[in-house]
Structures are given as C-alpha cells and as structure tokens.
Amino acid sequence: GPLSERRLMDVRLGELPAWLATCNFSPQGLLGGVRKAWSSYYDKYINVKRGGPAGISMLLAGYCLLSYGWNYQHIKCHRWRKYH
C-alpha cells in the first residue's frame, strides 16, 4: 500500500524519512496519534477476556520509570550528600 498508510513497524529503514514526511505533526494529528496508541494498548493488554495484571503492571512500571527520569537530577545530588 501507500507509504502514508503503513504502520511504523512495517516501514523499512530506508523509507523512514519519507514516511516521517507524510506524518501529521499538528496538535490535532499528535492528539489523534496518542488516542490511537492508547486505544490499541488498552485493547491489547487491558480489555481482554482472560486478562491478567500484565497491562496494569506495565503501565505502573512506565510511570515509575518516567517519574525516576523526571527526578533524576534531585536524586543524583541527594546521593552525594554526607550524613553526620
């Protein structure tokens, strides 16, 4: 099919710049991409007939990593302080 209708995992490395040029980077386009990614994640891991804790635990692990990344500078400076 056309390059603009392919998913990221179906694009070859040489076609990546042309594929990125066809993407919609407006705020509405980015919001639509986030909405589509969330709905596919929700359908794959959370909204299943025989689901387990995998989807929720992946979401919580992502939140923990993101929170650690945001606070890394504070944690790094705090680590080198001496306690007397």
PDB file of N, CA and C in Angstrom:
ATOM      1  N   GLY A   1       0.803  -1.185   0.000  1.00  0.00           N
ATOM      2  CA  GLY A   1       0.000   0.000   0.000  1.00  0.00           C
ATOM      3  C   GLY A   1       0.852   1.258   0.000  1.00  0.00           C
ATOM      4  N   PRO A   2       0.197   2.391   0.008  1.00  0.00           N
ATOM      5  CA  PRO A   2       0.939   3.650   0.026  1.00  0.00           C
ATOM      6  C   PRO A   2       1.742   3.804   1.316  1.00  0.00           C
ATOM      7  N   LEU A   3       2.807   4.553   1.228  1.00  0.00           N
ATOM      8  CA  LEU A   3       3.710   4.712   2.361  1.00  0.00           C
ATOM      9  C   LEU A   3       3.027   5.397   3.534  1.00  0.00           C
ATOM     10  N   SER A   4       2.124   6.319   3.280  1.00  0.00           N
ATOM     11  CA  SER A   4       1.487   7.064   4.368  1.00  0.00           C
ATOM     12  C   SER A   4       0.521   6.209   5.180  1.00  0.00           C
ATOM     13  N   GLU A   5       0.053   5.096   4.641  1.00  0.00           N
ATOM     14  CA  GLU A   5      -0.898   4.241   5.346  1.00  0.00           C
ATOM     15  C   GLU A   5      -0.231   3.103   6.106  1.00  0.00           C
ATOM     16  N   ARG A   6       1.085   2.957   5.966  1.00  0.00           N
ATOM     17  CA  ARG A   6       1.792   1.893   6.661  1.00  0.00           C
ATOM     18  C   ARG A   6       2.016   2.259   8.123  1.00  0.00           C
ATOM     19  N   ARG A   7       2.127   1.229   8.946  1.00  0.00           N
ATOM     20  CA  ARG A   7       2.464   1.429  10.342  1.00  0.00           C
ATOM     21  C   ARG A   7       3.973   1.558  10.467  1.00  0.00           C
ATOM     22  N   LEU A   8       4.443   2.074  11.590  1.00  0.00           N
ATOM     23  CA  LEU A   8       5.878   2.295  11.790  1.00  0.00           C
ATOM     24  C   LEU A   8       6.663   0.995  11.703  1.00  0.00           C
ATOM     25  N   MET A   9       6.130  -0.075  12.229  1.00  0.00           N
ATOM     26  CA  MET A   9       6.850  -1.352  12.209  1.00  0.00           C
ATOM     27  C   MET A   9       6.918  -1.965  10.815  1.00  0.00           C
ATOM     28  N   ASP A  10       6.086  -1.498   9.880  1.00  0.00           N
ATOM     29  CA  ASP A  10       6.093  -2.019   8.521  1.00  0.00           C
ATOM     30  C   ASP A  10       6.967  -1.196   7.585  1.00  0.00           C
ATOM     31  N   VAL A  11       7.514  -0.088   8.059  1.00  0.00           N
ATOM     32  CA  VAL A  11       8.343   0.788   7.224  1.00  0.00           C
ATOM     33  C   VAL A  11       9.783   0.333   7.308  1.00  0.00           C
ATOM     34  N   ARG A  12      10.446   0.257   6.146  1.00  0.00           N
ATOM     35  CA  ARG A  12      11.857  -0.112   6.133  1.00  0.00           C
ATOM     36  C   ARG A  12      12.697   1.090   6.513  1.00  0.00           C
ATOM     37  N   LEU A  13      13.920   0.830   6.925  1.00  0.00           N
ATOM     38  CA  LEU A  13      14.781   1.889   7.418  1.00  0.00           C
ATOM     39  C   LEU A  13      15.067   2.950   6.351  1.00  0.00           C
ATOM     40  N   GLY A  14      15.226   2.547   5.105  1.00  0.00           N
ATOM     41  CA  GLY A  14      15.467   3.495   4.025  1.00  0.00           C
ATOM     42  C   GLY A  14      14.253   4.362   3.720  1.00  0.00           C
ATOM     43  N   GLU A  15      13.061   3.872   4.029  1.00  0.00           N
ATOM     44  CA  GLU A  15      11.821   4.612   3.765  1.00  0.00           C
ATOM     45  C   GLU A  15      11.407   5.499   4.938  1.00  0.00           C
ATOM     46  N   LEU A  16      12.143   5.443   6.045  1.00  0.00           N
ATOM     47  CA  LEU A  16      11.752   6.163   7.251  1.00  0.00           C
ATOM     48  C   LEU A  16      11.665   7.680   7.062  1.00  0.00           C
ATOM     49  N   PRO A  17      12.643   8.353   6.426  1.00  0.00           N
ATOM     50  CA  PRO A  17      12.489   9.805   6.245  1.00  0.00           C
ATOM     51  C   PRO A  17      11.263  10.186   5.410  1.00  0.00           C
ATOM     52  N   ALA A  18      10.985   9.430   4.363  1.00  0.00           N
ATOM     53  CA  ALA A  18       9.808   9.720   3.540  1.00  0.00           C
ATOM     54  C   ALA A  18       8.525   9.454   4.316  1.00  0.00           C
ATOM     55  N   TRP A  19       8.527   8.421   5.157  1.00  0.00           N
ATOM     56  CA  TRP A  19       7.345   8.116   5.970  1.00  0.00           C
ATOM     57  C   TRP A  19       7.108   9.217   7.003  1.00  0.00           C
ATOM     58  N   LEU A  20       8.181   9.707   7.621  1.00  0.00           N
ATOM     59  CA  LEU A  20       8.036  10.793   8.596  1.00  0.00           C
ATOM     60  C   LEU A  20       7.536  12.070   7.943  1.00  0.00           C
ATOM     61  N   ALA A  21       7.898  12.290   6.682  1.00  0.00           N
ATOM     62  CA  ALA A  21       7.432  13.485   5.972  1.00  0.00           C
ATOM     63  C   ALA A  21       5.929  13.431   5.717  1.00  0.00           C
ATOM     64  N   THR A  22       5.346  12.234   5.667  1.00  0.00           N
ATOM     65  CA  THR A  22       3.912  12.113   5.417  1.00  0.00           C
ATOM     66  C   THR A  22       3.087  12.189   6.701  1.00  0.00           C
ATOM     67  N   CYS A  23       3.741  12.178   7.872  1.00  0.00           N
ATOM     68  CA  CYS A  23       3.019  12.206   9.143  1.00  0.00           C
ATOM     69  C   CYS A  23       2.461  13.599   9.419  1.00  0.00           C
ATOM     70  N   ASN A  24       1.377  13.624  10.182  1.00  0.00           N
ATOM     71  CA  ASN A  24       0.719  14.866  10.561  1.00  0.00           C
ATOM     72  C   ASN A  24       1.227  15.279  11.946  1.00  0.00           C
ATOM     73  N   PHE A  25       2.032  16.352  12.006  1.00  0.00           N
ATOM     74  CA  PHE A  25       2.613  16.797  13.265  1.00  0.00           C
ATOM     75  C   PHE A  25       1.888  17.998  13.855  1.00  0.00           C
ATOM     76  N   SER A  26       0.670  18.254  13.416  1.00  0.00           N
ATOM     77  CA  SER A  26      -0.117  19.323  14.018  1.00  0.00           C
ATOM     78  C   SER A  26      -0.611  18.841  15.386  1.00  0.00           C
ATOM     79  N   PRO A  27      -1.041  19.768  16.266  1.00  0.00           N
ATOM     80  CA  PRO A  27      -1.546  19.324  17.580  1.00  0.00           C
ATOM     81  C   PRO A  27      -2.707  18.334  17.463  1.00  0.00           C
ATOM     82  N   GLN A  28      -3.583  18.545  16.496  1.00  0.00           N
ATOM     83  CA  GLN A  28      -4.702  17.624  16.320  1.00  0.00           C
ATOM     84  C   GLN A  28      -4.211  16.254  15.843  1.00  0.00           C
ATOM     85  N   GLY A  29      -3.215  16.242  14.954  1.00  0.00           N
ATOM     86  CA  GLY A  29      -2.660  14.984  14.476  1.00  0.00           C
ATOM     87  C   GLY A  29      -1.932  14.229  15.570  1.00  0.00           C
ATOM     88  N   LEU A  30      -1.177  14.947  16.403  1.00  0.00           N
ATOM     89  CA  LEU A  30      -0.474  14.297  17.514  1.00  0.00           C
ATOM     90  C   LEU A  30      -1.457  13.747  18.541  1.00  0.00           C
ATOM     91  N   LEU A  31      -2.519  14.508  18.805  1.00  0.00           N
ATOM     92  CA  LEU A  31      -3.542  14.031  19.739  1.00  0.00           C
ATOM     93  C   LEU A  31      -4.231  12.778  19.196  1.00  0.00           C
ATOM     94  N   GLY A  32      -4.498  12.759  17.901  1.00  0.00           N
ATOM     95  CA  GLY A  32      -5.088  11.565  17.289  1.00  0.00           C
ATOM     96  C   GLY A  32      -4.160  10.366  17.375  1.00  0.00           C
ATOM     97  N   GLY A  33      -2.847  10.596  17.209  1.00  0.00           N
ATOM     98  CA  GLY A  33      -1.881   9.502  17.336  1.00  0.00           C
ATOM     99  C   GLY A  33      -1.815   8.950  18.744  1.00  0.00           C
ATOM    100  N   VAL A  34      -1.848   9.845  19.727  1.00  0.00           N
ATOM    101  CA  VAL A  34      -1.842   9.397  21.131  1.00  0.00           C
ATOM    102  C   VAL A  34      -3.112   8.627  21.439  1.00  0.00           C
ATOM    103  N   ARG A  35      -4.243   9.116  20.945  1.00  0.00           N
ATOM    104  CA  ARG A  35      -5.517   8.439  21.176  1.00  0.00           C
ATOM    105  C   ARG A  35      -5.515   7.042  20.543  1.00  0.00           C
ATOM    106  N   LYS A  36      -4.968   6.929  19.335  1.00  0.00           N
ATOM    107  CA  LYS A  36      -4.913   5.633  18.644  1.00  0.00           C
ATOM    108  C   LYS A  36      -3.974   4.671  19.374  1.00  0.00           C
ATOM    109  N   ALA A  37      -2.830   5.186  19.844  1.00  0.00           N
ATOM    110  CA  ALA A  37      -1.888   4.335  20.579  1.00  0.00           C
ATOM    111  C   ALA A  37      -2.495   3.850  21.892  1.00  0.00           C
ATOM    112  N   TRP A  38      -3.205   4.741  22.608  1.00  0.00           N
ATOM    113  CA  TRP A  38      -3.820   4.340  23.871  1.00  0.00           C
ATOM    114  C   TRP A  38      -4.904   3.300  23.637  1.00  0.00           C
ATOM    115  N   SER A  39      -5.723   3.482  22.605  1.00  0.00           N
ATOM    116  CA  SER A  39      -6.797   2.519  22.373  1.00  0.00           C
ATOM    117  C   SER A  39      -6.237   1.160  21.962  1.00  0.00           C
ATOM    118  N   SER A  40      -5.142   1.136  21.180  1.00  0.00           N
ATOM    119  CA  SER A  40      -4.567  -0.161  20.815  1.00  0.00           C
ATOM    120  C   SER A  40      -3.920  -0.823  22.031  1.00  0.00           C
ATOM    121  N   TYR A  41      -3.262  -0.037  22.896  1.00  0.00           N
ATOM    122  CA  TYR A  41      -2.686  -0.593  24.128  1.00  0.00           C
ATOM    123  C   TYR A  41      -3.793  -1.136  25.029  1.00  0.00           C
ATOM    124  N   TYR A  42      -4.862  -0.372  25.165  1.00  0.00           N
ATOM    125  CA  TYR A  42      -5.978  -0.778  26.020  1.00  0.00           C
ATOM    126  C   TYR A  42      -6.618  -2.056  25.499  1.00  0.00           C
ATOM    127  N   ASP A  43      -6.827  -2.140  24.188  1.00  0.00           N
ATOM    128  CA  ASP A  43      -7.442  -3.337  23.616  1.00  0.00           C
ATOM    129  C   ASP A  43      -6.532  -4.555  23.716  1.00  0.00           C
ATOM    130  N   LYS A  44      -5.222  -4.347  23.623  1.00  0.00           N
ATOM    131  CA  LYS A  44      -4.301  -5.480  23.630  1.00  0.00           C
ATOM    132  C   LYS A  44      -4.018  -6.008  25.031  1.00  0.00           C
ATOM    133  N   TYR A  45      -3.883  -5.121  26.014  1.00  0.00           N
ATOM    134  CA  TYR A  45      -3.432  -5.571  27.327  1.00  0.00           C
ATOM    135  C   TYR A  45      -4.474  -5.474  28.443  1.00  0.00           C
ATOM    136  N   ILE A  46      -5.434  -4.586  28.354  1.00  0.00           N
ATOM    137  CA  ILE A  46      -6.347  -4.375  29.472  1.00  0.00           C
ATOM    138  C   ILE A  46      -7.736  -4.927  29.185  1.00  0.00           C
ATOM    139  N   ASN A  47      -8.281  -4.652  28.015  1.00  0.00           N
ATOM    140  CA  ASN A  47      -9.642  -5.046  27.673  1.00  0.00           C
ATOM    141  C   ASN A  47      -9.631  -6.408  26.971  1.00  0.00           C
ATOM    142  N   VAL A  48      -9.290  -7.455  27.698  1.00  0.00           N
ATOM    143  CA  VAL A  48      -9.241  -8.804  27.134  1.00  0.00           C
ATOM    144  C   VAL A  48     -10.128  -9.716  27.969  1.00  0.00           C
ATOM    145  N   LYS A  49     -10.529 -10.841  27.396  1.00  0.00           N
ATOM    146  CA  LYS A  49     -11.422 -11.762  28.110  1.00  0.00           C
ATOM    147  C   LYS A  49     -10.706 -12.419  29.292  1.00  0.00           C
ATOM    148  N   ARG A  50      -9.496 -12.903  29.044  1.00  0.00           N
ATOM    149  CA  ARG A  50      -8.759 -13.572  30.117  1.00  0.00           C
ATOM    150  C   ARG A  50      -7.520 -12.748  30.443  1.00  0.00           C
ATOM    151  N   GLY A  51      -7.727 -11.582  30.932  1.00  0.00           N
ATOM    152  CA  GLY A  51      -6.613 -10.690  31.241  1.00  0.00           C
ATOM    153  C   GLY A  51      -6.010 -10.966  32.596  1.00  0.00           C
ATOM    154  N   GLY A  52      -4.812 -10.540  32.725  1.00  0.00           N
ATOM    155  CA  GLY A  52      -4.119 -10.653  33.993  1.00  0.00           C
ATOM    156  C   GLY A  52      -3.606  -9.283  34.399  1.00  0.00           C
ATOM    157  N   PRO A  53      -2.714  -9.275  35.337  1.00  0.00           N
ATOM    158  CA  PRO A  53      -2.183  -7.984  35.811  1.00  0.00           C
ATOM    159  C   PRO A  53      -1.102  -7.402  34.909  1.00  0.00           C
ATOM    160  N   ALA A  54      -0.845  -7.994  33.757  1.00  0.00           N
ATOM    161  CA  ALA A  54       0.266  -7.545  32.909  1.00  0.00           C
ATOM    162  C   ALA A  54       0.071  -6.123  32.399  1.00  0.00           C
ATOM    163  N   GLY A  55      -1.109  -5.783  31.933  1.00  0.00           N
ATOM    164  CA  GLY A  55      -1.332  -4.456  31.373  1.00  0.00           C
ATOM    165  C   GLY A  55      -1.194  -3.355  32.391  1.00  0.00           C
ATOM    166  N   ILE A  56      -1.795  -3.552  33.552  1.00  0.00           N
ATOM    167  CA  ILE A  56      -1.726  -2.548  34.605  1.00  0.00           C
ATOM    168  C   ILE A  56      -0.302  -2.442  35.141  1.00  0.00           C
ATOM    169  N   SER A  57       0.381  -3.578  35.292  1.00  0.00           N
ATOM    170  CA  SER A  57       1.744  -3.536  35.820  1.00  0.00           C
ATOM    171  C   SER A  57       2.690  -2.869  34.830  1.00  0.00           C
ATOM    172  N   MET A  58       2.482  -3.056  33.527  1.00  0.00           N
ATOM    173  CA  MET A  58       3.303  -2.357  32.537  1.00  0.00           C
ATOM    174  C   MET A  58       3.066  -0.860  32.618  1.00  0.00           C
ATOM    175  N   LEU A  59       1.838  -0.444  32.810  1.00  0.00           N
ATOM    176  CA  LEU A  59       1.514   0.968  32.936  1.00  0.00           C
ATOM    177  C   LEU A  59       2.165   1.563  34.183  1.00  0.00           C
ATOM    178  N   LEU A  60       2.108   0.865  35.301  1.00  0.00           N
ATOM    179  CA  LEU A  60       2.732   1.347  36.530  1.00  0.00           C
ATOM    180  C   LEU A  60       4.250   1.375  36.425  1.00  0.00           C
ATOM    181  N   ALA A  61       4.841   0.380  35.770  1.00  0.00           N
ATOM    182  CA  ALA A  61       6.294   0.373  35.582  1.00  0.00           C
ATOM    183  C   ALA A  61       6.723   1.544  34.704  1.00  0.00           C
ATOM    184  N   GLY A  62       5.951   1.841  33.676  1.00  0.00           N
ATOM    185  CA  GLY A  62       6.254   3.005  32.841  1.00  0.00           C
ATOM    186  C   GLY A  62       6.168   4.293  33.622  1.00  0.00           C
ATOM    187  N   TYR A  63       5.171   4.403  34.494  1.00  0.00           N
ATOM    188  CA  TYR A  63       5.044   5.594  35.333  1.00  0.00           C
ATOM    189  C   TYR A  63       6.230   5.726  36.281  1.00  0.00           C
ATOM    190  N   CYS A  64       6.672   4.613  36.860  1.00  0.00           N
ATOM    191  CA  CYS A  64       7.823   4.658  37.768  1.00  0.00           C
ATOM    192  C   CYS A  64       9.086   5.093  37.037  1.00  0.00           C
ATOM    193  N   LEU A  65       9.314   4.566  35.839  1.00  0.00           N
ATOM    194  CA  LEU A  65      10.488   4.968  35.068  1.00  0.00           C
ATOM    195  C   LEU A  65      10.427   6.437  34.678  1.00  0.00           C
ATOM    196  N   LEU A  66       9.260   6.902  34.279  1.00  0.00           N
ATOM    197  CA  LEU A  66       9.092   8.298  33.908  1.00  0.00           C
ATOM    198  C   LEU A  66       9.305   9.210  35.115  1.00  0.00           C
ATOM    199  N   SER A  67       8.777   8.833  36.265  1.00  0.00           N
ATOM    200  CA  SER A  67       8.948   9.615  37.484  1.00  0.00           C
ATOM    201  C   SER A  67      10.410   9.650  37.905  1.00  0.00           C
ATOM    202  N   TYR A  68      11.101   8.525  37.798  1.00  0.00           N
ATOM    203  CA  TYR A  68      12.523   8.486  38.130  1.00  0.00           C
ATOM    204  C   TYR A  68      13.317   9.382  37.189  1.00  0.00           C
ATOM    205  N   GLY A  69      12.962   9.370  35.905  1.00  0.00           N
ATOM    206  CA  GLY A  69      13.650  10.221  34.943  1.00  0.00           C
ATOM    207  C   GLY A  69      13.442  11.698  35.236  1.00  0.00           C
ATOM    208  N   TRP A  70      12.245  12.068  35.652  1.00  0.00           N
ATOM    209  CA  TRP A  70      11.969  13.461  35.982  1.00  0.00           C
ATOM    210  C   TRP A  70      12.739  13.914  37.221  1.00  0.00           C
ATOM    211  N   ASN A  71      12.916  13.029  38.192  1.00  0.00           N
ATOM    212  CA  ASN A  71      13.556  13.386  39.454  1.00  0.00           C
ATOM    213  C   ASN A  71      15.015  12.971  39.527  1.00  0.00           C
ATOM    214  N   TYR A  72      15.631  12.587  38.417  1.00  0.00           N
ATOM    215  CA  TYR A  72      16.989  12.042  38.453  1.00  0.00           C
ATOM    216  C   TYR A  72      18.005  13.060  38.967  1.00  0.00           C
ATOM    217  N   GLN A  73      17.913  14.326  38.539  1.00  0.00           N
ATOM    218  CA  GLN A  73      18.874  15.328  38.991  1.00  0.00           C
ATOM    219  C   GLN A  73      18.811  15.505  40.508  1.00  0.00           C
ATOM    220  N   HIS A  74      17.612  15.540  41.053  1.00  0.00           N
ATOM    221  CA  HIS A  74      17.461  15.689  42.506  1.00  0.00           C
ATOM    222  C   HIS A  74      18.001  14.461  43.234  1.00  0.00           C
ATOM    223  N   ILE A  75      17.730  13.283  42.712  1.00  0.00           N
ATOM    224  CA  ILE A  75      18.201  12.046  43.347  1.00  0.00           C
ATOM    225  C   ILE A  75      19.718  11.962  43.271  1.00  0.00           C
ATOM    226  N   LYS A  76      20.295  12.366  42.149  1.00  0.00           N
ATOM    227  CA  LYS A  76      21.738  12.300  41.971  1.00  0.00           C
ATOM    228  C   LYS A  76      22.449  13.228  42.965  1.00  0.00           C
ATOM    229  N   CYS A  77      21.945  14.444  43.140  1.00  0.00           N
ATOM    230  CA  CYS A  77      22.556  15.380  44.093  1.00  0.00           C
ATOM    231  C   CYS A  77      22.363  14.904  45.524  1.00  0.00           C
ATOM    232  N   HIS A  78      21.216  14.311  45.810  1.00  0.00           N
ATOM    233  CA  HIS A  78      20.920  13.826  47.151  1.00  0.00           C
ATOM    234  C   HIS A  78      21.811  12.645  47.518  1.00  0.00           C
ATOM    235  N   ARG A  79      22.210  11.860  46.552  1.00  0.00           N
ATOM    236  CA  ARG A  79      23.013  10.672  46.798  1.00  0.00           C
ATOM    237  C   ARG A  79      24.405  11.020  47.324  1.00  0.00           C
ATOM    238  N   TRP A  80      24.992  12.147  46.876  1.00  0.00           N
ATOM    239  CA  TRP A  80      26.342  12.509  47.246  1.00  0.00           C
ATOM    240  C   TRP A  80      26.438  13.272  48.558  1.00  0.00           C
ATOM    241  N   ARG A  81      25.321  13.601  49.189  1.00  0.00           N
ATOM    242  CA  ARG A  81      25.373  14.296  50.476  1.00  0.00           C
ATOM    243  C   ARG A  81      25.829  13.350  51.573  1.00  0.00           C
ATOM    244  N   LYS A  82      26.561  13.922  52.498  1.00  0.00           N
ATOM    245  CA  LYS A  82      27.045  13.116  53.624  1.00  0.00           C
ATOM    246  C   LYS A  82      26.142  13.357  54.820  1.00  0.00           C
ATOM    247  N   TYR A  83      25.885  12.323  55.582  1.00  0.00           N
ATOM    248  CA  TYR A  83      25.068  12.430  56.789  1.00  0.00           C
ATOM    249  C   TYR A  83      25.986  12.279  57.999  1.00  0.00           C
ATOM    250  N   HIS A  84      25.834  13.160  58.945  1.00  0.00           N
ATOM    251  CA  HIS A  84      26.667  13.104  60.149  1.00  0.00           C
ATOM    252  C   HIS A  84      25.801  12.933  61.363  1.00  0.00           C
TER     253      HIS A  84
END
